[in-house]
Amino acid sequence: MSQTMPSATPGTETTKGTPKKAALASFLGSAVEYYDFFIFGSAAALIFPHVFFPDADTNAAVMSFATFGFAYVARPVGAAFLGHFGDRIGRQKVLMFTLVLMGAATFVIGCLPDFKTIGWWAPVLLVLARLAQGLSAAGEQAGASSMTLEHAPDNRRAFFTSWTLTGTQGGLILASLVFIPVTALPDDVKYSIGWRIPFWLSAVVVMVAFFIRRTLHEPPAFAEAQKTKQIAKLPIADLLKQHWRDVVRVICCAFIAAVSTVFSTLAIKYATDVAQVNSSITLWLVVVANVVALGTQPLFGMLADRIGRKPVFIYGAVASAIMTPFFFLSFESGSTLVMFAAAVVYFSFGYAAANAVWPSFYGEMFSTRVRFSGLAIGTQLGFLAAGFAPTIVTAIGGTKPGGWVQVSVFTAVICVIAAVSALTARESAKIPTAQLGLTK
């Protein structure tokens, strides 16, 4: 038995929570945050090698993808910092901070001078702005997932928390849609002013999400902990003392996020460079697969509420490993229909299962006292694999002819690690919210 909480009347969280409002706020906030985050990924694949580095060869591509990965280095630091305050002062306050920080960093990226203007200071400033994005993203999903889980009724936690990640898909869709017309611009426009417009547009969408999220109150579980003075003074200390095994488990499970990076960033580079697929088609693949995932992820959440988190998550990991080589080989088929079918099966009906269920699966491993910290630290350490997946795979030849083999092996390894780790977890679907993380 770990740290005990004060007794609570069963159903207290359910009757006082506002799960629909929390899910909507999480969806919109995540969509905005990850619009900002994913336009960087598209630009790293298609724009930055030409703008921020001396020549657009393989080394420039590796360095460009490295700037994408730097955000994942900042994320563990941000997770510790934001997790502490999320468990100390509240989920909503921290989520407001992450929203503003992400928007500001993204706008600044759109204003940076290029390599021809200031030399190596250009990529240095790009990395600094990317680090700020990483600090913000470290708290976004953990905070939104914690808040939505704690607002949701006991028997529908997976469904409501799935909307946090569905919002992430919405952000990716918006980012891809904005970049499609950019790729069609003449090179002199595209590499000068054109690529900057998507980054500047983030200021508008951030303002919209800011006014929506500011009206959401703290979840009942956290409010009760504040009222009864059960807030942890040092959440990280409590986390590592009582839940260190769960933190390790989440880190390994979170490797699965590399599938999303492979799909949305690395595949674009492989398709355009190796298979000579038009870049606008690769972006449309991402859009269509994510649009379908907007529908399948809530369904996977509902399924997880019925049969449990573990089987749905493990299915998603195994399906992702199996489908990766088929997806990459579809680029060489010459058939646009085959490419779109492979993308939808791979992402919307494979990876989407794990993606939809992890907010509840991971969050339910921790008690209210340390949930934000546990989710943030565990996921962000695990997400390092996702952040540097493009750099690692590009460096070992994954974006060269025949590179689908390296991509497939890399993806299979991280999926197996995630699936095996999930097998060791306790099934938490039927545990009341008030008792989550309190017994082992």
Protein backbone atom coordinates (compact mmCIF):
# COMPACT_ATOMS: atom_id res chain seq x y z
CA MET A 1 0.00 0.00 0.00
CA SER A 2 1.39 3.39 -0.97
CA GLN A 3 0.41 6.88 0.16
CA THR A 4 -3.20 6.89 1.35
CA MET A 5 -5.68 9.55 0.44
CA PRO A 6 -8.60 10.77 2.56
CA SER A 7 -11.75 8.76 2.18
CA ALA A 8 -14.12 9.89 -0.52
CA THR A 9 -17.68 9.07 -1.27
CA PRO A 10 -17.82 6.85 -4.34
CA GLY A 11 -18.86 8.81 -7.37
CA THR A 12 -17.83 12.21 -5.98
CA GLU A 13 -15.61 12.92 -8.95
CA THR A 14 -18.26 11.72 -11.35
CA THR A 15 -21.05 13.96 -10.05
CA LYS A 16 -18.95 17.12 -9.79
CA GLY A 17 -16.75 16.71 -12.84
CA THR A 18 -17.33 18.32 -16.21
CA PRO A 19 -15.90 15.65 -18.53
CA LYS A 20 -17.27 17.03 -21.81
CA LYS A 21 -15.92 20.51 -21.15
CA ALA A 22 -12.59 19.09 -20.01
CA ALA A 23 -12.35 16.89 -23.09
CA LEU A 24 -13.18 19.82 -25.38
CA ALA A 25 -10.63 22.10 -23.72
CA SER A 26 -8.01 19.35 -23.93
CA PHE A 27 -8.83 18.68 -27.58
CA LEU A 28 -8.55 22.33 -28.60
CA GLY A 29 -5.50 23.06 -26.49
CA SER A 30 -3.68 19.99 -27.79
CA ALA A 31 -4.66 20.85 -31.35
CA VAL A 32 -3.11 24.30 -31.02
CA GLU A 33 0.01 23.10 -29.23
CA TYR A 34 0.66 20.36 -31.73
CA TYR A 35 -0.13 22.48 -34.75
CA ASP A 36 2.85 24.51 -33.61
CA PHE A 37 4.89 21.41 -32.88
CA PHE A 38 4.15 19.63 -36.16
CA ILE A 39 4.68 22.53 -38.54
CA PHE A 40 8.24 22.43 -37.28
CA GLY A 41 8.41 18.75 -38.26
CA SER A 42 7.17 19.46 -41.79
CA ALA A 43 9.58 22.37 -42.13
CA ALA A 44 12.47 20.23 -40.84
CA ALA A 45 11.82 17.73 -43.63
CA LEU A 46 11.08 20.14 -46.48
CA ILE A 47 12.36 23.66 -45.71
CA PHE A 48 15.05 23.99 -43.06
CA PRO A 49 17.82 22.10 -44.92
CA HIS A 50 17.63 24.85 -47.57
CA VAL A 51 17.19 27.81 -45.19
CA PHE A 52 19.19 27.26 -42.00
CA PHE A 53 22.16 25.21 -43.21
CA PRO A 54 24.95 25.85 -45.76
CA ASP A 55 23.93 23.23 -48.31
CA ALA A 56 20.93 20.98 -48.85
CA ASP A 57 22.79 17.65 -48.88
CA THR A 58 22.46 14.63 -46.62
CA ASN A 59 24.35 16.35 -43.80
CA ALA A 60 21.95 19.29 -43.93
CA ALA A 61 19.02 16.86 -43.68
CA VAL A 62 20.57 15.12 -40.66
CA MET A 63 21.24 18.47 -38.94
CA SER A 64 17.72 19.68 -39.76
CA PHE A 65 16.16 16.58 -38.22
CA ALA A 66 18.45 17.05 -35.23
CA THR A 67 16.85 20.46 -34.58
CA PHE A 68 13.52 18.62 -34.55
CA GLY A 69 14.91 16.23 -31.95
CA PHE A 70 16.30 18.95 -29.68
CA ALA A 71 12.79 19.65 -28.39
CA TYR A 72 12.73 16.14 -26.99
CA VAL A 73 15.91 16.87 -25.03
CA ALA A 74 14.19 19.84 -23.39
CA ARG A 75 11.03 17.91 -22.67
CA PRO A 76 12.32 15.85 -19.69
CA VAL A 77 13.52 19.09 -18.07
CA GLY A 78 10.18 20.72 -18.75
CA ALA A 79 8.40 17.63 -17.46
CA ALA A 80 10.14 17.82 -14.09
CA PHE A 81 9.51 21.57 -13.78
CA LEU A 82 5.93 21.66 -15.07
CA GLY A 83 5.03 18.37 -13.40
CA HIS A 84 6.04 19.81 -10.02
CA PHE A 85 3.82 22.87 -10.42
CA GLY A 86 1.01 20.90 -12.06
CA ASP A 87 0.80 18.73 -8.93
CA ARG A 88 1.37 21.67 -6.59
CA ILE A 89 -0.70 24.61 -7.90
CA GLY A 90 -3.04 22.95 -10.37
CA ARG A 91 -3.45 21.48 -13.82
CA GLN A 92 -5.27 24.44 -15.37
CA LYS A 93 -2.68 27.08 -14.46
CA VAL A 94 0.19 25.11 -15.93
CA LEU A 95 -1.78 24.38 -19.09
CA MET A 96 -2.33 28.11 -19.64
CA PHE A 97 1.42 28.69 -19.34
CA THR A 98 2.32 25.93 -21.81
CA LEU A 99 -0.11 27.32 -24.37
CA VAL A 100 1.38 30.82 -24.31
CA LEU A 101 4.98 29.56 -24.34
CA MET A 102 4.39 27.33 -27.36
CA GLY A 103 2.68 30.11 -29.30
CA ALA A 104 5.43 32.62 -28.59
CA ALA A 105 8.23 30.23 -29.55
CA THR A 106 6.51 29.28 -32.80
CA PHE A 107 5.93 32.90 -33.81
CA VAL A 108 9.61 33.70 -33.15
CA ILE A 109 10.72 30.83 -35.42
CA GLY A 110 8.82 32.47 -38.27
CA CYS A 111 10.84 35.65 -37.73
CA LEU A 112 14.35 34.12 -37.68
CA PRO A 113 16.91 35.23 -40.30
CA ASP A 114 18.34 32.50 -42.54
CA PHE A 115 21.86 31.08 -42.86
CA LYS A 116 22.81 33.46 -45.68
CA THR A 117 22.04 36.41 -43.41
CA ILE A 118 23.67 35.51 -40.09
CA GLY A 119 25.50 32.25 -40.74
CA TRP A 120 25.58 29.61 -38.00
CA TRP A 121 23.68 31.88 -35.63
CA ALA A 122 20.58 30.96 -37.67
CA PRO A 123 20.48 27.27 -36.64
CA VAL A 124 21.55 28.23 -33.10
CA LEU A 125 18.55 30.53 -32.72
CA LEU A 126 16.35 27.88 -34.31
CA VAL A 127 17.47 25.34 -31.72
CA LEU A 128 16.79 27.77 -28.84
CA ALA A 129 13.25 28.39 -30.09
CA ARG A 130 12.78 24.66 -30.56
CA LEU A 131 13.88 24.06 -26.97
CA ALA A 132 11.14 26.45 -25.81
CA GLN A 133 8.64 24.44 -27.84
CA GLY A 134 9.87 21.30 -26.14
CA LEU A 135 9.50 22.79 -22.66
CA SER A 136 5.91 23.67 -23.49
CA ALA A 137 5.00 20.32 -25.04
CA ALA A 138 6.40 18.54 -21.96
CA GLY A 139 3.49 19.73 -19.86
CA GLU A 140 0.69 19.87 -22.42
CA GLN A 141 -0.33 16.24 -22.89
CA ALA A 142 0.39 15.25 -19.29
CA GLY A 143 -1.64 18.17 -17.93
CA ALA A 144 -4.52 17.77 -20.37
CA SER A 145 -4.64 14.01 -19.82
CA SER A 146 -4.55 14.38 -16.02
CA MET A 147 -7.27 17.00 -16.06
CA THR A 148 -9.59 15.08 -18.37
CA LEU A 149 -9.07 11.78 -16.55
CA GLU A 150 -9.90 13.38 -13.21
CA HIS A 151 -13.05 15.01 -14.62
CA ALA A 152 -14.30 11.81 -16.31
CA PRO A 153 -16.68 9.23 -14.82
CA ASP A 154 -14.96 6.03 -13.70
CA ASN A 155 -16.36 3.90 -16.51
CA ARG A 156 -15.51 6.29 -19.38
CA ARG A 157 -12.04 7.54 -18.57
CA ALA A 158 -10.38 6.05 -21.67
CA PHE A 159 -13.00 7.55 -23.99
CA PHE A 160 -12.76 11.08 -22.59
CA THR A 161 -8.97 11.10 -22.29
CA SER A 162 -8.66 9.84 -25.87
CA TRP A 163 -9.79 13.31 -26.99
CA THR A 164 -6.52 14.77 -25.74
CA LEU A 165 -4.61 12.75 -28.33
CA THR A 166 -7.35 13.25 -30.89
CA GLY A 167 -6.64 16.96 -30.49
CA THR A 168 -3.03 16.19 -31.26
CA GLN A 169 -4.16 14.60 -34.52
CA GLY A 170 -6.22 17.71 -35.23
CA GLY A 171 -3.12 19.84 -34.83
CA LEU A 172 -1.18 17.61 -37.18
CA ILE A 173 -3.97 17.83 -39.77
CA LEU A 174 -4.03 21.62 -39.57
CA ALA A 175 -0.24 21.81 -39.82
CA SER A 176 -0.20 19.59 -42.90
CA LEU A 177 -3.03 21.49 -44.57
CA VAL A 178 -1.22 24.78 -44.03
CA PHE A 179 2.00 23.39 -45.49
CA ILE A 180 0.42 21.94 -48.64
CA PRO A 181 0.08 25.35 -50.39
CA VAL A 182 3.54 26.33 -49.12
CA THR A 183 5.13 23.38 -50.96
CA ALA A 184 3.45 24.51 -54.19
CA LEU A 185 5.06 27.96 -54.11
CA PRO A 186 8.02 28.84 -56.37
CA ASP A 187 11.30 28.14 -54.61
CA ASP A 188 12.29 31.80 -54.27
CA VAL A 189 9.01 32.52 -52.46
CA LYS A 190 8.84 29.25 -50.55
CA TYR A 191 12.31 29.57 -49.03
CA SER A 192 12.04 33.27 -48.25
CA ILE A 193 8.60 34.34 -46.96
CA GLY A 194 6.30 31.41 -47.78
CA TRP A 195 7.48 28.96 -45.10
CA ARG A 196 7.17 31.64 -42.40
CA ILE A 197 3.42 32.14 -42.76
CA PRO A 198 2.37 28.89 -41.00
CA PHE A 199 4.53 29.87 -38.02
CA TRP A 200 3.03 33.34 -37.80
CA LEU A 201 -0.51 31.95 -38.00
CA SER A 202 0.02 30.20 -34.67
CA ALA A 203 -0.59 33.52 -32.90
CA VAL A 204 -4.21 33.45 -34.07
CA VAL A 205 -4.96 29.87 -33.06
CA VAL A 206 -3.25 30.31 -29.68
CA MET A 207 -5.56 33.21 -28.84
CA VAL A 208 -8.63 31.11 -29.64
CA ALA A 209 -7.52 28.22 -27.43
CA PHE A 210 -6.45 30.59 -24.65
CA PHE A 211 -9.95 31.98 -24.18
CA ILE A 212 -11.50 28.51 -24.25
CA ARG A 213 -9.10 26.89 -21.80
CA ARG A 214 -9.16 29.74 -19.25
CA THR A 215 -12.79 28.94 -18.33
CA LEU A 216 -12.08 25.36 -17.24
CA HIS A 217 -11.89 24.73 -13.49
CA GLU A 218 -9.60 22.31 -11.68
CA PRO A 219 -10.81 18.67 -11.62
CA PRO A 220 -12.66 17.46 -8.50
CA ALA A 221 -9.94 14.99 -7.51
CA PHE A 222 -7.30 17.73 -7.40
CA ALA A 223 -9.66 20.23 -5.74
CA GLU A 224 -10.39 17.65 -3.03
CA ALA A 225 -6.66 17.10 -2.48
CA GLN A 226 -6.19 20.86 -2.09
CA LYS A 227 -9.11 21.11 0.32
CA THR A 228 -7.84 18.31 2.55
CA LYS A 229 -4.21 19.51 2.30
CA GLN A 230 -3.04 16.32 0.59
CA ILE A 231 -0.98 18.12 -2.03
CA ALA A 232 2.56 16.72 -2.19
CA LYS A 233 5.27 19.18 -1.15
CA LEU A 234 7.79 17.52 -3.45
CA PRO A 235 5.79 15.54 -6.02
CA ILE A 236 8.89 14.17 -7.75
CA ALA A 237 10.26 12.78 -4.49
CA ASP A 238 6.95 11.05 -3.76
CA LEU A 239 6.78 9.82 -7.34
CA LEU A 240 10.20 8.21 -7.30
CA LYS A 241 9.63 6.69 -3.88
CA GLN A 242 6.18 5.21 -4.49
CA HIS A 243 5.88 4.83 -8.27
CA TRP A 244 9.37 4.38 -9.71
CA ARG A 245 8.40 1.09 -11.36
CA ASP A 246 5.47 2.79 -13.05
CA VAL A 247 7.72 5.61 -14.26
CA VAL A 248 10.04 3.06 -15.89
CA ARG A 249 7.04 1.26 -17.35
CA VAL A 250 5.67 4.47 -18.87
CA ILE A 251 9.08 5.39 -20.30
CA CYS A 252 9.27 2.08 -22.15
CA CYS A 253 5.64 2.19 -23.28
CA ALA A 254 6.10 5.75 -24.53
CA PHE A 255 8.65 4.55 -27.08
CA ILE A 256 5.57 3.84 -29.21
CA ALA A 257 5.37 7.58 -29.98
CA ALA A 258 8.26 7.09 -32.41
CA VAL A 259 5.73 5.55 -34.81
CA SER A 260 4.01 8.91 -35.13
CA THR A 261 7.31 10.63 -35.87
CA VAL A 262 8.21 8.01 -38.46
CA PHE A 263 4.81 8.46 -40.08
CA SER A 264 4.53 12.24 -40.07
CA THR A 265 8.16 13.32 -40.60
CA LEU A 266 10.53 10.56 -41.74
CA ALA A 267 8.10 9.09 -44.28
CA ILE A 268 7.80 12.49 -45.98
CA LYS A 269 11.56 12.59 -46.52
CA TYR A 270 11.73 8.97 -47.72
CA ALA A 271 8.82 9.33 -50.12
CA THR A 272 10.08 12.53 -51.75
CA ASP A 273 13.80 11.62 -51.94
CA VAL A 274 13.69 7.88 -52.67
CA ALA A 275 10.36 7.20 -54.35
CA GLN A 276 10.09 10.62 -55.99
CA VAL A 277 6.57 11.09 -54.67
CA ASN A 278 5.31 14.66 -54.90
CA SER A 279 5.66 16.36 -51.51
CA SER A 280 2.05 17.56 -51.59
CA ILE A 281 0.88 13.94 -51.88
CA THR A 282 2.94 12.93 -48.84
CA LEU A 283 1.36 15.72 -46.84
CA TRP A 284 -2.10 14.63 -47.99
CA LEU A 285 -1.31 11.10 -46.80
CA VAL A 286 -0.72 12.52 -43.33
CA VAL A 287 -3.91 14.59 -43.48
CA VAL A 288 -6.18 11.76 -44.61
CA ALA A 289 -4.81 9.21 -42.15
CA ASN A 290 -5.20 11.67 -39.28
CA VAL A 291 -8.72 12.65 -40.36
CA VAL A 292 -9.71 8.98 -40.19
CA ALA A 293 -7.96 8.72 -36.81
CA LEU A 294 -10.22 11.50 -35.50
CA GLY A 295 -12.99 8.91 -35.76
CA THR A 296 -11.12 5.74 -34.81
CA GLN A 297 -9.34 7.02 -31.70
CA PRO A 298 -12.51 7.74 -29.68
CA LEU A 299 -13.74 4.30 -30.75
CA PHE A 300 -10.56 2.70 -29.46
CA GLY A 301 -11.08 4.66 -26.24
CA MET A 302 -14.58 3.24 -25.90
CA LEU A 303 -13.22 -0.25 -26.56
CA ALA A 304 -10.60 0.22 -23.84
CA ASP A 305 -13.35 1.13 -21.37
CA ARG A 306 -15.01 -2.20 -22.19
CA ILE A 307 -12.15 -4.69 -22.48
CA GLY A 308 -9.28 -2.88 -20.74
CA ARG A 309 -6.34 -0.64 -21.58
CA LYS A 310 -3.68 -3.33 -22.05
CA PRO A 311 -5.15 -5.34 -24.95
CA VAL A 312 -5.93 -2.20 -26.97
CA PHE A 313 -2.50 -0.68 -26.38
CA ILE A 314 -0.65 -3.90 -27.18
CA TYR A 315 -2.68 -4.38 -30.35
CA GLY A 316 -1.69 -0.88 -31.48
CA ALA A 317 2.00 -1.57 -30.87
CA VAL A 318 2.02 -4.92 -32.67
CA ALA A 319 -0.01 -3.60 -35.62
CA SER A 320 2.38 -0.65 -36.01
CA ALA A 321 5.40 -2.98 -36.17
CA ILE A 322 3.76 -5.20 -38.77
CA MET A 323 2.50 -2.39 -40.99
CA THR A 324 5.63 -0.19 -41.16
CA PRO A 325 7.37 -2.03 -44.03
CA PHE A 326 4.13 -2.22 -46.04
CA PHE A 327 3.59 1.52 -45.62
CA PHE A 328 7.08 2.46 -46.81
CA LEU A 329 7.00 0.00 -49.71
CA SER A 330 3.71 1.52 -50.83
CA PHE A 331 5.64 4.63 -51.90
CA GLU A 332 7.45 2.57 -54.50
CA SER A 333 4.25 1.03 -55.87
CA GLY A 334 3.54 4.04 -58.05
CA SER A 335 -0.12 3.85 -57.01
CA THR A 336 -1.56 6.78 -55.09
CA LEU A 337 -4.51 4.62 -54.01
CA VAL A 338 -2.17 2.01 -52.51
CA MET A 339 -0.27 4.73 -50.63
CA PHE A 340 -3.43 6.18 -49.10
CA ALA A 341 -4.82 2.75 -48.18
CA ALA A 342 -1.54 1.75 -46.52
CA ALA A 343 -1.37 5.05 -44.63
CA VAL A 344 -4.91 4.71 -43.27
CA VAL A 345 -4.49 1.07 -42.20
CA TYR A 346 -1.08 1.73 -40.66
CA PHE A 347 -1.94 4.88 -38.75
CA SER A 348 -5.72 5.09 -38.29
CA PHE A 349 -6.39 1.43 -37.49
CA GLY A 350 -3.01 0.44 -36.07
CA TYR A 351 -1.05 3.10 -34.23
CA ALA A 352 -4.25 5.00 -33.35
CA ALA A 353 -5.21 2.24 -30.90
CA ALA A 354 -2.13 2.78 -28.73
CA ASN A 355 -2.28 6.52 -29.23
CA ALA A 356 -5.89 6.75 -28.04
CA VAL A 357 -5.49 4.66 -24.93
CA TRP A 358 -2.17 5.78 -23.51
CA PRO A 359 -3.48 8.90 -21.67
CA SER A 360 -5.73 6.72 -19.51
CA PHE A 361 -3.35 3.73 -19.43
CA TYR A 362 -0.39 5.76 -18.18
CA GLY A 363 -2.36 8.23 -16.04
CA GLU A 364 -4.13 5.49 -14.11
CA MET A 365 -0.81 4.12 -12.87
CA PHE A 366 -0.41 7.17 -10.60
CA SER A 367 -2.33 8.73 -7.72
CA THR A 368 -3.73 12.27 -7.87
CA ARG A 369 -0.80 13.56 -5.77
CA VAL A 370 1.77 12.75 -8.46
CA ARG A 371 -0.22 12.07 -11.63
CA PHE A 372 0.92 15.16 -13.54
CA SER A 373 4.58 14.54 -12.64
CA GLY A 374 4.38 10.82 -13.37
CA LEU A 375 2.76 11.31 -16.75
CA ALA A 376 5.03 14.17 -17.74
CA ILE A 377 8.36 12.65 -16.70
CA GLY A 378 7.58 9.12 -17.87
CA THR A 379 6.27 10.12 -21.27
CA GLN A 380 8.88 12.76 -22.02
CA LEU A 381 11.79 10.44 -21.28
CA GLY A 382 10.16 7.83 -23.49
CA PHE A 383 9.46 10.36 -26.22
CA LEU A 384 13.20 10.90 -26.69
CA ALA A 385 13.05 7.87 -28.98
CA ALA A 386 10.42 9.65 -31.04
CA GLY A 387 12.33 12.90 -31.19
CA PHE A 388 15.52 11.44 -32.53
CA ALA A 389 13.97 8.72 -34.68
CA PRO A 390 14.39 10.77 -37.89
CA THR A 391 18.00 11.64 -37.05
CA ILE A 392 18.94 8.07 -36.14
CA VAL A 393 17.24 6.44 -39.10
CA THR A 394 18.52 9.06 -41.56
CA ALA A 395 22.07 8.60 -40.25
CA ILE A 396 21.93 4.82 -40.83
CA GLY A 397 20.59 5.20 -44.34
CA GLY A 398 16.86 5.07 -43.77
CA THR A 399 16.17 7.81 -46.32
CA LYS A 400 18.23 6.18 -49.06
CA PRO A 401 17.12 3.51 -51.56
CA GLY A 402 16.26 0.36 -49.64
CA GLY A 403 16.08 2.33 -46.41
CA TRP A 404 12.64 0.93 -45.63
CA VAL A 405 14.48 -2.01 -44.04
CA GLN A 406 16.24 0.19 -41.48
CA VAL A 407 13.02 2.06 -40.78
CA SER A 408 11.09 -1.19 -40.30
CA VAL A 409 13.67 -2.74 -37.97
CA PHE A 410 13.90 0.43 -35.87
CA THR A 411 10.11 0.67 -35.57
CA ALA A 412 9.73 -3.02 -34.73
CA VAL A 413 12.24 -2.76 -31.90
CA ILE A 414 10.54 0.20 -30.23
CA CYS A 415 7.09 -1.38 -30.67
CA VAL A 416 8.20 -4.65 -29.06
CA ILE A 417 9.68 -2.77 -26.09
CA ALA A 418 6.41 -0.87 -25.64
CA ALA A 419 4.25 -4.01 -25.91
CA VAL A 420 6.34 -6.03 -23.47
CA SER A 421 6.34 -3.18 -20.97
CA ALA A 422 2.56 -2.89 -21.24
CA LEU A 423 2.23 -6.59 -20.45
CA THR A 424 3.83 -5.95 -17.04
CA ALA A 425 1.29 -3.25 -16.08
CA ARG A 426 -1.75 -3.72 -13.90
CA GLU A 427 -5.09 -3.46 -15.69
CA SER A 428 -6.77 -0.36 -14.26
CA ALA A 429 -9.98 -0.02 -16.28
CA LYS A 430 -12.27 -1.10 -13.41
CA ILE A 431 -10.47 0.69 -10.56
CA PRO A 432 -12.38 3.75 -9.20
CA THR A 433 -10.65 7.06 -9.89
CA ALA A 434 -10.22 7.79 -6.18
CA GLN A 435 -8.24 4.55 -5.73
CA LEU A 436 -5.94 4.81 -8.74
CA GLY A 437 -2.28 4.45 -7.88
CA LEU A 438 -2.97 3.68 -4.21
CA THR A 439 -2.68 -0.10 -4.27
CA LYS A 440 -0.39 -2.46 -6.16
